[in-house]
Amino acid sequence: MSDKKTTQYRSAKSGEFVTKQYAETHKSTTVKERNNVPKPSPSKSRGK
């Protein structure tokens, strides 16, 4: 089974996530990351 991944872009200067458009125009200061999609957290209610 393969895990789903998402592509995210992060600023090398501030460490904050940035948009794909910003990353494409500022290639020298952004990092492209491939991260696993977070699994949904289980519901806290038990449905009694």
PDB file of N, CA and C in Angstrom:
ATOM      1  N   MET A   1       0.849  -1.174   0.000  1.00  0.00           N
ATOM      2  CA  MET A   1       0.000   0.000   0.000  1.00  0.00           C
ATOM      3  C   MET A   1       0.895   1.238   0.000  1.00  0.00           C
ATOM      4  N   SER A   2       0.607   2.182  -0.879  1.00  0.00           N
ATOM      5  CA  SER A   2       1.420   3.388  -0.958  1.00  0.00           C
ATOM      6  C   SER A   2       0.764   4.524  -0.180  1.00  0.00           C
ATOM      7  N   ASP A   3       1.595   5.257   0.547  1.00  0.00           N
ATOM      8  CA  ASP A   3       1.090   6.405   1.295  1.00  0.00           C
ATOM      9  C   ASP A   3       0.941   7.581   0.344  1.00  0.00           C
ATOM     10  N   LYS A   4      -0.079   8.391   0.573  1.00  0.00           N
ATOM     11  CA  LYS A   4      -0.282   9.564  -0.257  1.00  0.00           C
ATOM     12  C   LYS A   4       0.655  10.662   0.221  1.00  0.00           C
ATOM     13  N   LYS A   5       1.177  11.402  -0.738  1.00  0.00           N
ATOM     14  CA  LYS A   5       2.094  12.489  -0.408  1.00  0.00           C
ATOM     15  C   LYS A   5       1.584  13.780  -1.019  1.00  0.00           C
ATOM     16  N   THR A   6       1.983  14.881  -0.412  1.00  0.00           N
ATOM     17  CA  THR A   6       1.620  16.184  -0.914  1.00  0.00           C
ATOM     18  C   THR A   6       2.894  17.005  -1.089  1.00  0.00           C
ATOM     19  N   THR A   7       2.890  17.899  -2.047  1.00  0.00           N
ATOM     20  CA  THR A   7       4.037  18.768  -2.277  1.00  0.00           C
ATOM     21  C   THR A   7       3.780  20.095  -1.590  1.00  0.00           C
ATOM     22  N   GLN A   8       4.738  20.513  -0.772  1.00  0.00           N
ATOM     23  CA  GLN A   8       4.634  21.786  -0.073  1.00  0.00           C
ATOM     24  C   GLN A   8       5.911  22.571  -0.322  1.00  0.00           C
ATOM     25  N   TYR A   9       5.798  23.867  -0.235  1.00  0.00           N
ATOM     26  CA  TYR A   9       6.933  24.759  -0.457  1.00  0.00           C
ATOM     27  C   TYR A   9       7.186  25.559   0.800  1.00  0.00           C
ATOM     28  N   ARG A  10       8.476  25.675   1.178  1.00  0.00           N
ATOM     29  CA  ARG A  10       8.845  26.377   2.397  1.00  0.00           C
ATOM     30  C   ARG A  10       9.931  27.400   2.089  1.00  0.00           C
ATOM     31  N   SER A  11       9.827  28.556   2.708  1.00  0.00           N
ATOM     32  CA  SER A  11      10.833  29.598   2.551  1.00  0.00           C
ATOM     33  C   SER A  11      12.101  29.179   3.280  1.00  0.00           C
ATOM     34  N   ALA A  12      13.255  29.299   2.623  1.00  0.00           N
ATOM     35  CA  ALA A  12      14.524  28.961   3.248  1.00  0.00           C
ATOM     36  C   ALA A  12      14.944  30.030   4.247  1.00  0.00           C
ATOM     37  N   LYS A  13      14.413  31.229   4.100  1.00  0.00           N
ATOM     38  CA  LYS A  13      14.766  32.319   5.005  1.00  0.00           C
ATOM     39  C   LYS A  13      13.985  32.251   6.310  1.00  0.00           C
ATOM     40  N   SER A  14      12.660  32.161   6.210  1.00  0.00           N
ATOM     41  CA  SER A  14      11.822  32.231   7.409  1.00  0.00           C
ATOM     42  C   SER A  14      11.352  30.874   7.909  1.00  0.00           C
ATOM     43  N   GLY A  15      11.371  29.859   7.055  1.00  0.00           N
ATOM     44  CA  GLY A  15      10.889  28.549   7.444  1.00  0.00           C
ATOM     45  C   GLY A  15       9.383  28.398   7.330  1.00  0.00           C
ATOM     46  N   GLU A  16       8.701  29.434   6.863  1.00  0.00           N
ATOM     47  CA  GLU A  16       7.247  29.389   6.733  1.00  0.00           C
ATOM     48  C   GLU A  16       6.856  28.770   5.393  1.00  0.00           C
ATOM     49  N   PHE A  17       5.675  28.154   5.381  1.00  0.00           N
ATOM     50  CA  PHE A  17       5.157  27.610   4.132  1.00  0.00           C
ATOM     51  C   PHE A  17       4.721  28.744   3.226  1.00  0.00           C
ATOM     52  N   VAL A  18       4.977  28.581   1.923  1.00  0.00           N
ATOM     53  CA  VAL A  18       4.617  29.597   0.939  1.00  0.00           C
ATOM     54  C   VAL A  18       3.824  28.932  -0.179  1.00  0.00           C
ATOM     55  N   THR A  19       3.193  29.744  -1.015  1.00  0.00           N
ATOM     56  CA  THR A  19       2.395  29.218  -2.112  1.00  0.00           C
ATOM     57  C   THR A  19       3.296  28.718  -3.241  1.00  0.00           C
ATOM     58  N   LYS A  20       2.727  27.890  -4.090  1.00  0.00           N
ATOM     59  CA  LYS A  20       3.466  27.367  -5.240  1.00  0.00           C
ATOM     60  C   LYS A  20       3.883  28.507  -6.149  1.00  0.00           C
ATOM     61  N   GLN A  21       3.003  29.484  -6.322  1.00  0.00           N
ATOM     62  CA  GLN A  21       3.307  30.628  -7.186  1.00  0.00           C
ATOM     63  C   GLN A  21       4.506  31.413  -6.643  1.00  0.00           C
ATOM     64  N   TYR A  22       4.544  31.647  -5.337  1.00  0.00           N
ATOM     65  CA  TYR A  22       5.664  32.359  -4.726  1.00  0.00           C
ATOM     66  C   TYR A  22       6.950  31.546  -4.900  1.00  0.00           C
ATOM     67  N   ALA A  23       6.857  30.234  -4.694  1.00  0.00           N
ATOM     68  CA  ALA A  23       8.035  29.369  -4.806  1.00  0.00           C
ATOM     69  C   ALA A  23       8.608  29.379  -6.217  1.00  0.00           C
ATOM     70  N   GLU A  24       7.732  29.402  -7.212  1.00  0.00           N
ATOM     71  CA  GLU A  24       8.200  29.396  -8.594  1.00  0.00           C
ATOM     72  C   GLU A  24       8.895  30.702  -8.968  1.00  0.00           C
ATOM     73  N   THR A  25       8.493  31.816  -8.370  1.00  0.00           N
ATOM     74  CA  THR A  25       9.130  33.098  -8.689  1.00  0.00           C
ATOM     75  C   THR A  25      10.360  33.372  -7.823  1.00  0.00           C
ATOM     76  N   HIS A  26      10.515  32.641  -6.714  1.00  0.00           N
ATOM     77  CA  HIS A  26      11.662  32.829  -5.817  1.00  0.00           C
ATOM     78  C   HIS A  26      12.370  31.490  -5.600  1.00  0.00           C
ATOM     79  N   LYS A  27      12.808  30.872  -6.682  1.00  0.00           N
ATOM     80  CA  LYS A  27      13.390  29.534  -6.619  1.00  0.00           C
ATOM     81  C   LYS A  27      14.644  29.452  -5.752  1.00  0.00           C
ATOM     82  N   SER A  28      15.412  30.524  -5.673  1.00  0.00           N
ATOM     83  CA  SER A  28      16.659  30.451  -4.921  1.00  0.00           C
ATOM     84  C   SER A  28      16.443  30.482  -3.409  1.00  0.00           C
ATOM     85  N   THR A  29      15.254  30.881  -2.962  1.00  0.00           N
ATOM     86  CA  THR A  29      15.021  30.972  -1.519  1.00  0.00           C
ATOM     87  C   THR A  29      13.869  30.090  -1.044  1.00  0.00           C
ATOM     88  N   THR A  30      13.464  29.117  -1.851  1.00  0.00           N
ATOM     89  CA  THR A  30      12.403  28.209  -1.422  1.00  0.00           C
ATOM     90  C   THR A  30      12.832  26.762  -1.589  1.00  0.00           C
ATOM     91  N   VAL A  31      12.246  25.909  -0.761  1.00  0.00           N
ATOM     92  CA  VAL A  31      12.550  24.482  -0.762  1.00  0.00           C
ATOM     93  C   VAL A  31      11.256  23.726  -1.030  1.00  0.00           C
ATOM     94  N   LYS A  32      11.320  22.764  -1.951  1.00  0.00           N
ATOM     95  CA  LYS A  32      10.166  21.929  -2.280  1.00  0.00           C
ATOM     96  C   LYS A  32      10.240  20.680  -1.421  1.00  0.00           C
ATOM     97  N   GLU A  33       9.152  20.367  -0.718  1.00  0.00           N
ATOM     98  CA  GLU A  33       9.124  19.209   0.166  1.00  0.00           C
ATOM     99  C   GLU A  33       8.009  18.254  -0.242  1.00  0.00           C
ATOM    100  N   ARG A  34       8.275  16.952  -0.110  1.00  0.00           N
ATOM    101  CA  ARG A  34       7.240  15.935  -0.333  1.00  0.00           C
ATOM    102  C   ARG A  34       6.934  15.333   1.035  1.00  0.00           C
ATOM    103  N   ASN A  35       5.734  15.601   1.541  1.00  0.00           N
ATOM    104  CA  ASN A  35       5.346  15.143   2.869  1.00  0.00           C
ATOM    105  C   ASN A  35       4.158  14.202   2.788  1.00  0.00           C
ATOM    106  N   ASN A  36       4.072  13.297   3.762  1.00  0.00           N
ATOM    107  CA  ASN A  36       2.922  12.402   3.850  1.00  0.00           C
ATOM    108  C   ASN A  36       1.690  13.214   4.216  1.00  0.00           C
ATOM    109  N   VAL A  37       0.560  12.842   3.645  1.00  0.00           N
ATOM    110  CA  VAL A  37      -0.698  13.484   3.981  1.00  0.00           C
ATOM    111  C   VAL A  37      -1.064  13.044   5.388  1.00  0.00           C
ATOM    112  N   PRO A  38      -1.379  13.988   6.285  1.00  0.00           N
ATOM    113  CA  PRO A  38      -1.713  13.583   7.655  1.00  0.00           C
ATOM    114  C   PRO A  38      -2.997  12.757   7.693  1.00  0.00           C
ATOM    115  N   LYS A  39      -2.986  11.722   8.516  1.00  0.00           N
ATOM    116  CA  LYS A  39      -4.176  10.883   8.660  1.00  0.00           C
ATOM    117  C   LYS A  39      -5.187  11.631   9.520  1.00  0.00           C
ATOM    118  N   PRO A  40      -6.469  11.501   9.218  1.00  0.00           N
ATOM    119  CA  PRO A  40      -7.470  12.173  10.042  1.00  0.00           C
ATOM    120  C   PRO A  40      -7.451  11.620  11.458  1.00  0.00           C
ATOM    121  N   SER A  41      -7.568  12.507  12.420  1.00  0.00           N
ATOM    122  CA  SER A  41      -7.554  12.058  13.808  1.00  0.00           C
ATOM    123  C   SER A  41      -8.883  11.379  14.135  1.00  0.00           C
ATOM    124  N   PRO A  42      -8.848  10.377  14.992  1.00  0.00           N
ATOM    125  CA  PRO A  42     -10.089   9.671  15.334  1.00  0.00           C
ATOM    126  C   PRO A  42     -11.043  10.588  16.088  1.00  0.00           C
ATOM    127  N   SER A  43     -12.313  10.335  15.909  1.00  0.00           N
ATOM    128  CA  SER A  43     -13.332  11.125  16.576  1.00  0.00           C
ATOM    129  C   SER A  43     -13.282  10.876  18.079  1.00  0.00           C
ATOM    130  N   LYS A  44     -13.433  11.938  18.865  1.00  0.00           N
ATOM    131  CA  LYS A  44     -13.367  11.793  20.314  1.00  0.00           C
ATOM    132  C   LYS A  44     -14.699  11.351  20.905  1.00  0.00           C
ATOM    133  N   SER A  45     -15.779  11.544  20.187  1.00  0.00           N
ATOM    134  CA  SER A  45     -17.071  11.097  20.709  1.00  0.00           C
ATOM    135  C   SER A  45     -17.255   9.616  20.407  1.00  0.00           C
ATOM    136  N   ARG A  46     -17.847   8.907  21.322  1.00  0.00           N
ATOM    137  CA  ARG A  46     -18.029   7.466  21.157  1.00  0.00           C
ATOM    138  C   ARG A  46     -19.426   7.127  20.674  1.00  0.00           C
ATOM    139  N   GLY A  47     -20.275   8.122  20.503  1.00  0.00           N
ATOM    140  CA  GLY A  47     -21.598   7.888  19.955  1.00  0.00           C
ATOM    141  C   GLY A  47     -22.508   7.061  20.841  1.00  0.00           C
ATOM    142  N   LYS A  48     -22.526   7.356  22.113  1.00  0.00           N
ATOM    143  CA  LYS A  48     -23.378   6.595  23.042  1.00  0.00           C
ATOM    144  C   LYS A  48     -24.840   6.885  22.842  1.00  0.00           C
TER     145      LYS A  48
END
